[in-house]
Amino acid sequence: MKQYTCFSPRASLAIMGFQAKKWGIWKTIGDHVHNQQKTVHHTPIEKLQDVWISILAGGHGMVEINTRVRPDRGLQLAFGRKQCAEQSNVSQTLTACTQENVQQLRHALQLLFQTQSQAFSHPYSKQDLEVEVDMSGLTSGKKAEGASKGYFAGQKNRRGRQLGRALANQYGEVIYEQLYPGTVQLEGSLQHLVLRMEDVLAENSAQRKHIILRVDGGGGRDADVNWLLERGYGILIRVRQWQRARNLAKRVQTWYVDPQDPQREWGQVGEPFAYKRSTRQIGVRYRKSDQSWTYRVLVTNLSDEQLFHFTRLPMPAVPNLQEVLFAAVIAYDLRGGGVETSLRQSKQGIGLNKRNKKSFHAQEMLVLLAQLAYHLLLWVRHQLNQYHSQWHAWGILRMVRDVCAIPGRLQFDKDGL
C-alpha cells in the first residue's frame, strides 16, 4: 500500500480501530469462527467485522453500514479492512449463521475477555467481586424465531425475546449474556447464566465465597436461593413469592423508618424462612397511595463488612442492627446503577434493541457483536482514564456519540499504519 491521506468524520474511532488490531481482536475471532458461506468479494468474517464497525460508528440499523462505514475508507483501513461489504450481503451472512457459529463466536469472545478484561484478573483475596444478574426484553416482529408475548417494560402486548446478562459490577463488564425466547424469565435462566459465568471466569469453589450475586425477585425462588447458597456464593436477593414476603413481614418486631423515604420502613425478620444454609432476612414495606402496605423481603448471607463495602458507606466501629439493615436495603437499591444501567447503555449507546433479525441465531450473533463493541469502548475508556479521571464518568452513549465521532484527517504509511 502507498501512503494514503483522507478525511474521516470519525477519525477518533479510527484510533480505536488501530487499538483493536493491536489487541488482535479479529484475528482471534477469525481463528475460531468458521462460516461455510461462499466467499465472493468478502469473507463471512469480514462481513461480521463490518457489522461491528457500524455498531461502533453509531449505526442502529443494518442499512447504516452503507452510510456510515462504506463511504469512509479511512475508517475501514484503520480497522484492517480494505473495502466494506454491501449491507444486503452482510444480512445474508448473518442469516446463514448457525448455532455452531454462535458457539464459536462466544468462545472467541470468552478468550478475549480472559486476556483483556479487568474482571477476569480481579484480586479476590483483597476484594469481593460483585456480580449482578438480570433479564431485559428485546422487542421484535411477530414472525421472528423465538419471539412471543412476554414482559417488555412499558410496552403492552409486544412480542420479542429476552436477554439475560451477568455483569461484573465494579468494572461494568459483561461476563456472559444469552438470548432466550420471549417467554423465558429470570426464574428459568438464573442457574444457566451463573454456570456460564463460572466458565468465563474460570472460577473455582474457593473463589465463589468472594463473589457476591445481587439478583431481583425474578431469581428469588426457593430452589434458586438454595442452589446459590450450596454453591458457596454470597447473595443479596429479593424473595419472589409475595405471600411469603407478607407472612415473613409479620414477624418483624421493630420497623425502622427509612431516612431517605418516609413512606418506606424496614426491619429484621424475627423467625426467618429456613433455607438450606443460614441467612439474614430483612422485611421492607412501602406505603401505597391508599395508605395500605406492600411488602418485600430481602435474603442475604453477607457479613456486616460485606454489606457496608457493597454500599460504599463508611462502616461504624460497632454498627447497630438499624445501621446494618439500612446498609442491606441500600445495597439492594443500588441495582439500578449496575446491570440495569449497563443494559440501558447497551440499548441507547450501541442500539442493542434496534437491530432485529428473523433468524434466532442471526440475532444471537448481533447480540455478541454488540457485546464486543461494548467491551472495546470500556477497555479504551479504562486506558484513557489512566491519563485523566474524567473518562470514568463517560457512558457508552457519550463514547459513541461524542468520543468516536471527532472528524479529522487520517494519514496512513505504506504499512497501513
Foldseek 3Di string as FASTA:
>chain_A
DAWDKDWALQVLVLVLLLVCVVLVLLVLLVVQADQPDDDDPDDLSLLLVLLLLCLLLVDQELQCSVVHPQVGQSSCLSNPHRGYDHSVVSLVSLLSDDPSNLVRLVVSVLVSCCVQPPVLVDPLVVAFFEKEKAKAWFFDDPLAPLWDDADHPPDPPTIGWMKIFIARFVQRATLDMDIHRRHDGCCNCVVVNVVSSCVSSVDDLVSQLRYEYEYEQRQQDLVSVLVSVVSNHWYKYKHNDQVLQVVQVVQFPDWDQDPVDNQKIKGWRPDDDDHVDDWTKMKMWGQDPVRDIGIIMIITPDDLVNLCVLLVHDDDPDDDRVVSNNSSVSSNVCVCVGPVVSVVLLCQQSNLSSYDDRYPSSNSSSNSSSSVSQVSLSSVLVVVCVVPVVSVPDTNNCCSPPSSRRIDMDIARPVSD
